[in-house]
Amino acid sequence: MRVSSCGHFIRMDAEYLGWLRRLTRRLGSIGTGGGGRGGAVVGVEAGAGAGLPRRAPVFTADFTSPAQWVAGRSWAYPGGGPTNPGDNKLDHLVTDPSYSRGGVFRATRRPDGNWDSGLLTTEGSDEGFTVRTDDVLEARVKLPVELGAWPAIWTWRDGGQEIDFFEYHPDNPDLLELSNHVRGASHYHHDPGVRPGAWVDLKVELGRNSVVWWINGTRVFADRKGVGRRWRAYLIVNLSVSAGNYHPAPEPGISEMSWEVSALRVYRA
């Protein structure tokens, strides 16, 4: 029985009770995110971390910002650059904003045989952002098509601390190189969605005990090594040019190459 606002008793018939039970079950299902199609709650990411709100990024790349990024210099190169022939690279790093600041990382052939090339790093910038243990990096990239192109998103600090979120060489058209140089782990990932000129979504979880890579929404490699408890390092985004020892150098008729990063974000636990 229930009571109306006027104090009169109103009979609770079977039809009303049935409707009330159905409504209660439906609200319970939505509240727990379970059951059937569309069970996920709006604003909650399904899968990893399900049931928790999506965190806001602690870092969103603005490649135009000199406060975030330094152009054309990195201590991952001998003396900070501009060249690194010992790593089989033809790079000659430049500060020209047209080589990196728009999110399109370019390289152009020089008369001396090297290539003017774009590199950005958070090392030495006003903000000095570093990725840390348990951070998650996500990026959307468009791969290059020219032989000799060597794009990468990676890290560096104090002569090491290198994680290669990815490296790519168009002579291996369906392969991404994923590496943890901090604790010695790597993986060659073949993928039909990886090819010259393709857009690729990357996600890398920098765990203490395992670094985990996701490509186009699929988990592809967990290294079971991790980066340790207090690891941190600066970000580097660049286009190198292969000198020919491990991958083909650019063909003689090619004078320019490029790849693109349309988004790069870091999330923190």
C-alpha atoms as a PDB file:
ATOM      1  CA  MET A   1       0.000   0.000   0.000  1.00  0.00           C
ATOM      2  CA  ARG A   2       1.091   3.649  -0.493  1.00  0.00           C
ATOM      3  CA  VAL A   3      -0.375   6.936   0.731  1.00  0.00           C
ATOM      4  CA  SER A   4      -1.295   9.881  -1.488  1.00  0.00           C
ATOM      5  CA  SER A   5      -0.427  13.482  -0.639  1.00  0.00           C
ATOM      6  CA  CYS A   6      -3.995  13.831   0.666  1.00  0.00           C
ATOM      7  CA  GLY A   7      -3.598  10.972   3.126  1.00  0.00           C
ATOM      8  CA  HIS A   8      -5.796   8.539   1.196  1.00  0.00           C
ATOM      9  CA  PHE A   9      -4.684   4.932   0.767  1.00  0.00           C
ATOM     10  CA  ILE A  10      -4.155   3.843  -2.795  1.00  0.00           C
ATOM     11  CA  ARG A  11      -3.969   0.174  -3.689  1.00  0.00           C
ATOM     12  CA  MET A  12      -0.648  -0.907  -5.187  1.00  0.00           C
ATOM     13  CA  ASP A  13      -1.747  -3.342  -7.907  1.00  0.00           C
ATOM     14  CA  ALA A  14       0.339  -6.010  -9.603  1.00  0.00           C
ATOM     15  CA  GLU A  15       0.954  -3.930 -12.736  1.00  0.00           C
ATOM     16  CA  TYR A  16       2.455  -1.059 -10.745  1.00  0.00           C
ATOM     17  CA  LEU A  17       4.643  -3.403  -8.713  1.00  0.00           C
ATOM     18  CA  GLY A  18       5.947  -5.058 -11.864  1.00  0.00           C
ATOM     19  CA  TRP A  19       6.829  -1.709 -13.405  1.00  0.00           C
ATOM     20  CA  LEU A  20       8.615  -0.643 -10.226  1.00  0.00           C
ATOM     21  CA  ARG A  21      10.691  -3.848 -10.120  1.00  0.00           C
ATOM     22  CA  ARG A  22      11.731  -3.433 -13.787  1.00  0.00           C
ATOM     23  CA  LEU A  23      12.745   0.170 -13.190  1.00  0.00           C
ATOM     24  CA  THR A  24      14.805  -0.774 -10.133  1.00  0.00           C
ATOM     25  CA  ARG A  25      16.655  -3.508 -12.043  1.00  0.00           C
ATOM     26  CA  ARG A  26      17.406  -1.141 -14.931  1.00  0.00           C
ATOM     27  CA  LEU A  27      18.754   1.590 -12.643  1.00  0.00           C
ATOM     28  CA  GLY A  28      20.887  -0.966 -10.812  1.00  0.00           C
ATOM     29  CA  SER A  29      22.379  -2.209 -14.084  1.00  0.00           C
ATOM     30  CA  ILE A  30      23.245   1.302 -15.294  1.00  0.00           C
ATOM     31  CA  GLY A  31      24.735   2.270 -11.929  1.00  0.00           C
ATOM     32  CA  THR A  32      27.190  -0.638 -11.963  1.00  0.00           C
ATOM     33  CA  GLY A  33      28.084  -0.395 -15.644  1.00  0.00           C
ATOM     34  CA  GLY A  34      27.147  -4.043 -16.140  1.00  0.00           C
ATOM     35  CA  GLY A  35      24.975  -6.101 -18.337  1.00  0.00           C
ATOM     36  CA  GLY A  36      24.311  -6.083 -22.024  1.00  0.00           C
ATOM     37  CA  ARG A  37      24.935  -3.576 -24.759  1.00  0.00           C
ATOM     38  CA  GLY A  38      25.497   0.006 -23.748  1.00  0.00           C
ATOM     39  CA  GLY A  39      26.256  -0.976 -20.164  1.00  0.00           C
ATOM     40  CA  ALA A  40      29.178   1.437 -19.795  1.00  0.00           C
ATOM     41  CA  VAL A  41      28.403   4.642 -17.975  1.00  0.00           C
ATOM     42  CA  VAL A  42      28.794   7.846 -19.957  1.00  0.00           C
ATOM     43  CA  GLY A  43      32.106   9.499 -19.024  1.00  0.00           C
ATOM     44  CA  VAL A  44      33.780   6.266 -17.939  1.00  0.00           C
ATOM     45  CA  GLU A  45      36.383   4.547 -20.112  1.00  0.00           C
ATOM     46  CA  ALA A  46      35.657   0.859 -20.663  1.00  0.00           C
ATOM     47  CA  GLY A  47      38.469  -1.685 -20.367  1.00  0.00           C
ATOM     48  CA  ALA A  48      41.525  -0.802 -18.341  1.00  0.00           C
ATOM     49  CA  GLY A  49      40.509   1.219 -15.320  1.00  0.00           C
ATOM     50  CA  ALA A  50      36.814   0.591 -15.937  1.00  0.00           C
ATOM     51  CA  GLY A  51      34.650   2.208 -13.305  1.00  0.00           C
ATOM     52  CA  LEU A  52      37.071   5.148 -12.878  1.00  0.00           C
ATOM     53  CA  PRO A  53      36.675   8.545 -14.571  1.00  0.00           C
ATOM     54  CA  ARG A  54      39.154   9.312 -17.338  1.00  0.00           C
ATOM     55  CA  ARG A  55      41.957  11.461 -15.917  1.00  0.00           C
ATOM     56  CA  ALA A  56      42.846  14.775 -17.471  1.00  0.00           C
ATOM     57  CA  PRO A  57      46.295  14.794 -19.121  1.00  0.00           C
ATOM     58  CA  VAL A  58      49.177  16.312 -17.197  1.00  0.00           C
ATOM     59  CA  PHE A  59      50.847  17.195 -20.496  1.00  0.00           C
ATOM     60  CA  THR A  60      49.321  18.066 -23.863  1.00  0.00           C
ATOM     61  CA  ALA A  61      51.911  18.770 -26.527  1.00  0.00           C
ATOM     62  CA  ASP A  62      51.899  22.222 -28.069  1.00  0.00           C
ATOM     63  CA  PHE A  63      54.759  22.019 -30.495  1.00  0.00           C
ATOM     64  CA  THR A  64      54.604  25.772 -31.144  1.00  0.00           C
ATOM     65  CA  SER A  65      55.425  26.519 -27.506  1.00  0.00           C
ATOM     66  CA  PRO A  66      59.058  27.376 -26.657  1.00  0.00           C
ATOM     67  CA  ALA A  67      58.095  26.981 -22.992  1.00  0.00           C
ATOM     68  CA  GLN A  68      57.356  23.284 -23.612  1.00  0.00           C
ATOM     69  CA  TRP A  69      59.869  22.388 -26.300  1.00  0.00           C
ATOM     70  CA  VAL A  70      63.420  23.226 -27.346  1.00  0.00           C
ATOM     71  CA  ALA A  71      64.145  22.854 -31.074  1.00  0.00           C
ATOM     72  CA  GLY A  72      67.274  21.594 -32.776  1.00  0.00           C
ATOM     73  CA  ARG A  73      69.296  20.535 -29.745  1.00  0.00           C
ATOM     74  CA  SER A  74      69.439  17.409 -27.573  1.00  0.00           C
ATOM     75  CA  TRP A  75      72.004  15.881 -25.211  1.00  0.00           C
ATOM     76  CA  ALA A  76      71.088  12.531 -26.742  1.00  0.00           C
ATOM     77  CA  TYR A  77      73.401  13.766 -29.539  1.00  0.00           C
ATOM     78  CA  PRO A  78      77.141  14.195 -28.885  1.00  0.00           C
ATOM     79  CA  GLY A  79      77.711  17.680 -27.528  1.00  0.00           C
ATOM     80  CA  GLY A  80      74.008  18.403 -27.885  1.00  0.00           C
ATOM     81  CA  GLY A  81      74.208  18.124 -31.680  1.00  0.00           C
ATOM     82  CA  PRO A  82      73.787  19.020 -34.411  1.00  0.00           C
ATOM     83  CA  THR A  83      75.060  15.688 -35.811  1.00  0.00           C
ATOM     84  CA  ASN A  84      75.315  12.078 -34.627  1.00  0.00           C
ATOM     85  CA  PRO A  85      77.169  10.002 -37.254  1.00  0.00           C
ATOM     86  CA  GLY A  86      78.131   7.395 -34.653  1.00  0.00           C
ATOM     87  CA  ASP A  87      74.496   6.315 -34.515  1.00  0.00           C
ATOM     88  CA  ASN A  88      74.411   5.879 -38.314  1.00  0.00           C
ATOM     89  CA  LYS A  89      72.428   9.074 -38.793  1.00  0.00           C
ATOM     90  CA  LEU A  90      72.653  11.777 -41.440  1.00  0.00           C
ATOM     91  CA  ASP A  91      70.826  14.306 -39.240  1.00  0.00           C
ATOM     92  CA  HIS A  92      71.905  17.917 -38.966  1.00  0.00           C
ATOM     93  CA  LEU A  93      69.564  19.381 -36.352  1.00  0.00           C
ATOM     94  CA  VAL A  94      68.096  22.809 -37.084  1.00  0.00           C
ATOM     95  CA  THR A  95      66.105  25.327 -35.064  1.00  0.00           C
ATOM     96  CA  ASP A  96      64.062  26.465 -38.086  1.00  0.00           C
ATOM     97  CA  PRO A  97      60.417  26.190 -36.894  1.00  0.00           C
ATOM     98  CA  SER A  98      59.236  24.893 -40.266  1.00  0.00           C
ATOM     99  CA  TYR A  99      61.047  21.612 -39.511  1.00  0.00           C
ATOM    100  CA  SER A 100      59.090  20.753 -36.366  1.00  0.00           C
ATOM    101  CA  ARG A 101      56.951  23.441 -34.760  1.00  0.00           C
ATOM    102  CA  GLY A 102      53.809  22.655 -36.773  1.00  0.00           C
ATOM    103  CA  GLY A 103      53.774  18.995 -35.728  1.00  0.00           C
ATOM    104  CA  VAL A 104      55.143  17.961 -39.133  1.00  0.00           C
ATOM    105  CA  PHE A 105      58.736  16.831 -38.647  1.00  0.00           C
ATOM    106  CA  ARG A 106      60.760  17.392 -41.823  1.00  0.00           C
ATOM    107  CA  ALA A 107      64.196  16.684 -43.236  1.00  0.00           C
ATOM    108  CA  THR A 108      65.790  18.155 -46.358  1.00  0.00           C
ATOM    109  CA  ARG A 109      68.996  17.204 -48.120  1.00  0.00           C
ATOM    110  CA  ARG A 110      72.060  19.418 -47.628  1.00  0.00           C
ATOM    111  CA  PRO A 111      74.885  19.961 -50.133  1.00  0.00           C
ATOM    112  CA  ASP A 112      77.349  18.242 -47.739  1.00  0.00           C
ATOM    113  CA  GLY A 113      75.352  14.958 -47.806  1.00  0.00           C
ATOM    114  CA  ASN A 114      73.722  15.389 -44.415  1.00  0.00           C
ATOM    115  CA  TRP A 115      70.082  16.357 -43.913  1.00  0.00           C
ATOM    116  CA  ASP A 116      68.682  19.355 -42.086  1.00  0.00           C
ATOM    117  CA  SER A 117      66.169  17.745 -39.729  1.00  0.00           C
ATOM    118  CA  GLY A 118      63.611  18.611 -37.086  1.00  0.00           C
ATOM    119  CA  LEU A 119      63.833  17.633 -33.422  1.00  0.00           C
ATOM    120  CA  LEU A 120      61.950  18.853 -30.368  1.00  0.00           C
ATOM    121  CA  THR A 121      62.721  17.965 -26.748  1.00  0.00           C
ATOM    122  CA  THR A 122      61.349  19.015 -23.387  1.00  0.00           C
ATOM    123  CA  GLU A 123      64.904  18.966 -22.005  1.00  0.00           C
ATOM    124  CA  GLY A 124      66.131  22.485 -21.359  1.00  0.00           C
ATOM    125  CA  SER A 125      62.712  24.072 -21.872  1.00  0.00           C
ATOM    126  CA  ASP A 126      61.203  26.460 -19.335  1.00  0.00           C
ATOM    127  CA  GLU A 127      58.689  23.825 -18.222  1.00  0.00           C
ATOM    128  CA  GLY A 128      61.202  20.955 -18.328  1.00  0.00           C
ATOM    129  CA  PHE A 129      58.478  18.320 -18.436  1.00  0.00           C
ATOM    130  CA  THR A 130      59.521  14.721 -17.737  1.00  0.00           C
ATOM    131  CA  VAL A 131      57.552  11.516 -18.069  1.00  0.00           C
ATOM    132  CA  ARG A 132      57.664   9.344 -14.939  1.00  0.00           C
ATOM    133  CA  THR A 133      57.010   5.835 -13.693  1.00  0.00           C
ATOM    134  CA  ASP A 134      53.353   4.857 -14.189  1.00  0.00           C
ATOM    135  CA  ASP A 135      52.666   7.634 -16.720  1.00  0.00           C
ATOM    136  CA  VAL A 136      50.740   6.761 -19.876  1.00  0.00           C
ATOM    137  CA  LEU A 137      51.699   8.383 -23.177  1.00  0.00           C
ATOM    138  CA  GLU A 138      49.240   8.505 -26.068  1.00  0.00           C
ATOM    139  CA  ALA A 139      50.021   9.810 -29.546  1.00  0.00           C
ATOM    140  CA  ARG A 140      48.556   9.824 -33.032  1.00  0.00           C
ATOM    141  CA  VAL A 141      51.130   9.795 -35.822  1.00  0.00           C
ATOM    142  CA  LYS A 142      51.281   9.644 -39.605  1.00  0.00           C
ATOM    143  CA  LEU A 143      54.176   7.497 -40.804  1.00  0.00           C
ATOM    144  CA  PRO A 144      56.593   8.655 -43.529  1.00  0.00           C
ATOM    145  CA  VAL A 145      56.819   7.060 -46.965  1.00  0.00           C
ATOM    146  CA  GLU A 146      60.388   7.856 -48.063  1.00  0.00           C
ATOM    147  CA  LEU A 147      63.198   5.322 -47.676  1.00  0.00           C
ATOM    148  CA  GLY A 148      65.746   6.542 -45.163  1.00  0.00           C
ATOM    149  CA  ALA A 149      63.177   8.285 -42.977  1.00  0.00           C
ATOM    150  CA  TRP A 150      63.568   7.350 -39.305  1.00  0.00           C
ATOM    151  CA  PRO A 151      60.843   8.866 -37.110  1.00  0.00           C
ATOM    152  CA  ALA A 152      60.671   8.296 -33.364  1.00  0.00           C
ATOM    153  CA  ILE A 153      59.097   9.372 -30.105  1.00  0.00           C
ATOM    154  CA  TRP A 154      61.504   8.562 -27.280  1.00  0.00           C
ATOM    155  CA  THR A 155      63.050   9.680 -24.000  1.00  0.00           C
ATOM    156  CA  TRP A 156      66.475  10.695 -22.716  1.00  0.00           C
ATOM    157  CA  ARG A 157      68.098  11.981 -19.525  1.00  0.00           C
ATOM    158  CA  ASP A 158      71.649  12.048 -18.193  1.00  0.00           C
ATOM    159  CA  GLY A 159      73.141   9.835 -20.879  1.00  0.00           C
ATOM    160  CA  GLY A 160      70.396   7.204 -20.942  1.00  0.00           C
ATOM    161  CA  GLN A 161      66.923   6.520 -19.532  1.00  0.00           C
ATOM    162  CA  GLU A 162      65.823   5.752 -23.095  1.00  0.00           C
ATOM    163  CA  ILE A 163      62.399   4.383 -23.904  1.00  0.00           C
ATOM    164  CA  ASP A 164      61.533   4.199 -27.602  1.00  0.00           C
ATOM    165  CA  PHE A 165      57.772   4.580 -27.727  1.00  0.00           C
ATOM    166  CA  PHE A 166      58.208   3.713 -31.378  1.00  0.00           C
ATOM    167  CA  GLU A 167      60.694   3.820 -34.240  1.00  0.00           C
ATOM    168  CA  TYR A 168      59.839   3.203 -37.884  1.00  0.00           C
ATOM    169  CA  HIS A 169      61.708   2.529 -41.136  1.00  0.00           C
ATOM    170  CA  PRO A 170      59.713   2.402 -44.383  1.00  0.00           C
ATOM    171  CA  ASP A 171      61.920  -0.394 -45.792  1.00  0.00           C
ATOM    172  CA  ASN A 172      60.160  -2.598 -43.202  1.00  0.00           C
ATOM    173  CA  PRO A 173      56.725  -1.277 -44.115  1.00  0.00           C
ATOM    174  CA  ASP A 174      54.549  -3.135 -41.568  1.00  0.00           C
ATOM    175  CA  LEU A 175      56.957  -3.066 -38.608  1.00  0.00           C
ATOM    176  CA  LEU A 176      57.243  -0.830 -35.549  1.00  0.00           C
ATOM    177  CA  GLU A 177      60.261  -1.080 -33.243  1.00  0.00           C
ATOM    178  CA  LEU A 178      59.319  -0.852 -29.547  1.00  0.00           C
ATOM    179  CA  SER A 179      62.190  -0.704 -27.045  1.00  0.00           C
ATOM    180  CA  ASN A 180      62.972  -0.339 -23.359  1.00  0.00           C
ATOM    181  CA  HIS A 181      66.671   0.500 -23.143  1.00  0.00           C
ATOM    182  CA  VAL A 182      66.408   1.214 -19.426  1.00  0.00           C
ATOM    183  CA  ARG A 183      66.137  -2.489 -18.574  1.00  0.00           C
ATOM    184  CA  GLY A 184      66.906  -4.170 -21.879  1.00  0.00           C
ATOM    185  CA  ALA A 185      63.744  -5.245 -23.675  1.00  0.00           C
ATOM    186  CA  SER A 186      62.505  -4.804 -27.233  1.00  0.00           C
ATOM    187  CA  HIS A 187      59.926  -6.072 -29.685  1.00  0.00           C
ATOM    188  CA  TYR A 188      59.443  -5.951 -33.456  1.00  0.00           C
ATOM    189  CA  HIS A 189      55.721  -5.571 -33.996  1.00  0.00           C
ATOM    190  CA  HIS A 190      54.287  -6.493 -37.402  1.00  0.00           C
ATOM    191  CA  ASP A 191      50.826  -5.058 -38.024  1.00  0.00           C
ATOM    192  CA  PRO A 192      48.599  -4.811 -41.131  1.00  0.00           C
ATOM    193  CA  GLY A 193      47.577  -1.340 -39.970  1.00  0.00           C
ATOM    194  CA  VAL A 194      51.195  -0.166 -40.135  1.00  0.00           C
ATOM    195  CA  ARG A 195      52.383   0.967 -43.550  1.00  0.00           C
ATOM    196  CA  PRO A 196      54.012   4.004 -45.166  1.00  0.00           C
ATOM    197  CA  GLY A 197      51.657   6.968 -44.969  1.00  0.00           C
ATOM    198  CA  ALA A 198      49.294   5.317 -42.449  1.00  0.00           C
ATOM    199  CA  TRP A 199      47.903   6.982 -39.351  1.00  0.00           C
ATOM    200  CA  VAL A 200      48.724   5.011 -36.195  1.00  0.00           C
ATOM    201  CA  ASP A 201      47.480   5.419 -32.620  1.00  0.00           C
ATOM    202  CA  LEU A 202      50.061   4.681 -29.905  1.00  0.00           C
ATOM    203  CA  LYS A 203      49.582   4.123 -26.195  1.00  0.00           C
ATOM    204  CA  VAL A 204      52.430   3.222 -23.846  1.00  0.00           C
ATOM    205  CA  GLU A 205      52.082   2.499 -20.133  1.00  0.00           C
ATOM    206  CA  LEU A 206      55.368   3.155 -18.321  1.00  0.00           C
ATOM    207  CA  GLY A 207      54.921   0.675 -15.486  1.00  0.00           C
ATOM    208  CA  ARG A 208      57.388   0.070 -12.686  1.00  0.00           C
ATOM    209  CA  ASN A 209      57.589  -3.630 -13.520  1.00  0.00           C
ATOM    210  CA  SER A 210      56.411  -3.685 -17.133  1.00  0.00           C
ATOM    211  CA  VAL A 211      56.189  -1.248 -20.034  1.00  0.00           C
ATOM    212  CA  VAL A 212      53.104  -2.028 -22.110  1.00  0.00           C
ATOM    213  CA  TRP A 213      52.546  -0.941 -25.712  1.00  0.00           C
ATOM    214  CA  TRP A 214      49.169  -0.603 -27.458  1.00  0.00           C
ATOM    215  CA  ILE A 215      48.886  -0.061 -31.224  1.00  0.00           C
ATOM    216  CA  ASN A 216      45.587   1.069 -32.741  1.00  0.00           C
ATOM    217  CA  GLY A 217      43.749   0.019 -29.596  1.00  0.00           C
ATOM    218  CA  THR A 218      45.299  -3.454 -29.311  1.00  0.00           C
ATOM    219  CA  ARG A 219      47.780  -4.471 -26.624  1.00  0.00           C
ATOM    220  CA  VAL A 220      50.797  -5.798 -28.529  1.00  0.00           C
ATOM    221  CA  PHE A 221      53.719  -6.070 -26.079  1.00  0.00           C
ATOM    222  CA  ALA A 222      54.384  -6.095 -22.347  1.00  0.00           C
ATOM    223  CA  ASP A 223      58.109  -6.255 -21.645  1.00  0.00           C
ATOM    224  CA  ARG A 224      57.888  -7.528 -18.018  1.00  0.00           C
ATOM    225  CA  LYS A 225      60.904  -5.347 -17.236  1.00  0.00           C
ATOM    226  CA  GLY A 226      59.484  -1.915 -16.534  1.00  0.00           C
ATOM    227  CA  VAL A 227      61.329   1.285 -15.762  1.00  0.00           C
ATOM    228  CA  GLY A 228      61.734   0.995 -12.002  1.00  0.00           C
ATOM    229  CA  ARG A 229      60.274   2.959  -9.158  1.00  0.00           C
ATOM    230  CA  ARG A 230      61.736   6.449  -9.607  1.00  0.00           C
ATOM    231  CA  TRP A 231      62.437   6.649 -13.308  1.00  0.00           C
ATOM    232  CA  ARG A 232      61.904   9.895 -15.196  1.00  0.00           C
ATOM    233  CA  ALA A 233      63.104  11.286 -18.526  1.00  0.00           C
ATOM    234  CA  TYR A 234      62.589  14.058 -21.045  1.00  0.00           C
ATOM    235  CA  LEU A 235      60.533  13.604 -24.211  1.00  0.00           C
ATOM    236  CA  ILE A 236      62.048  13.749 -27.707  1.00  0.00           C
ATOM    237  CA  VAL A 237      60.129  13.826 -30.986  1.00  0.00           C
ATOM    238  CA  ASN A 238      62.187  13.890 -34.165  1.00  0.00           C
ATOM    239  CA  LEU A 239      62.901  12.738 -37.681  1.00  0.00           C
ATOM    240  CA  SER A 240      66.290  11.149 -38.206  1.00  0.00           C
ATOM    241  CA  VAL A 241      67.727  10.034 -41.548  1.00  0.00           C
ATOM    242  CA  SER A 242      69.395   6.636 -41.949  1.00  0.00           C
ATOM    243  CA  ALA A 243      72.986   6.600 -43.218  1.00  0.00           C
ATOM    244  CA  GLY A 244      72.668   3.157 -44.814  1.00  0.00           C
ATOM    245  CA  ASN A 245      74.326   0.673 -42.475  1.00  0.00           C
ATOM    246  CA  TYR A 246      71.174  -0.852 -40.967  1.00  0.00           C
ATOM    247  CA  HIS A 247      68.466   0.610 -43.172  1.00  0.00           C
ATOM    248  CA  PRO A 248      68.700   2.135 -46.662  1.00  0.00           C
ATOM    249  CA  ALA A 249      69.838   5.719 -47.001  1.00  0.00           C
ATOM    250  CA  PRO A 250      67.542   8.040 -48.967  1.00  0.00           C
ATOM    251  CA  GLU A 251      67.394   7.462 -52.700  1.00  0.00           C
ATOM    252  CA  PRO A 252      69.382   9.964 -54.809  1.00  0.00           C
ATOM    253  CA  GLY A 253      66.307  11.636 -56.270  1.00  0.00           C
ATOM    254  CA  ILE A 254      64.722  12.338 -52.887  1.00  0.00           C
ATOM    255  CA  SER A 255      65.383  15.744 -51.356  1.00  0.00           C
ATOM    256  CA  GLU A 256      62.715  15.988 -48.653  1.00  0.00           C
ATOM    257  CA  MET A 257      60.831  13.709 -46.255  1.00  0.00           C
ATOM    258  CA  SER A 258      58.422  14.135 -43.353  1.00  0.00           C
ATOM    259  CA  TRP A 259      56.088  12.564 -40.830  1.00  0.00           C
ATOM    260  CA  GLU A 260      53.409  14.046 -38.570  1.00  0.00           C
ATOM    261  CA  VAL A 261      52.277  14.022 -34.937  1.00  0.00           C
ATOM    262  CA  SER A 262      48.703  15.289 -34.658  1.00  0.00           C
ATOM    263  CA  ALA A 263      48.353  14.667 -30.913  1.00  0.00           C
ATOM    264  CA  LEU A 264      50.571  13.738 -27.969  1.00  0.00           C
ATOM    265  CA  ARG A 265      49.357  13.571 -24.372  1.00  0.00           C
ATOM    266  CA  VAL A 266      50.637  12.180 -21.086  1.00  0.00           C
ATOM    267  CA  TYR A 267      48.354  10.948 -18.297  1.00  0.00           C
ATOM    268  CA  ARG A 268      49.460  10.451 -14.704  1.00  0.00           C
ATOM    269  CA  ALA A 269      48.087   8.099 -12.043  1.00  0.00           C
END
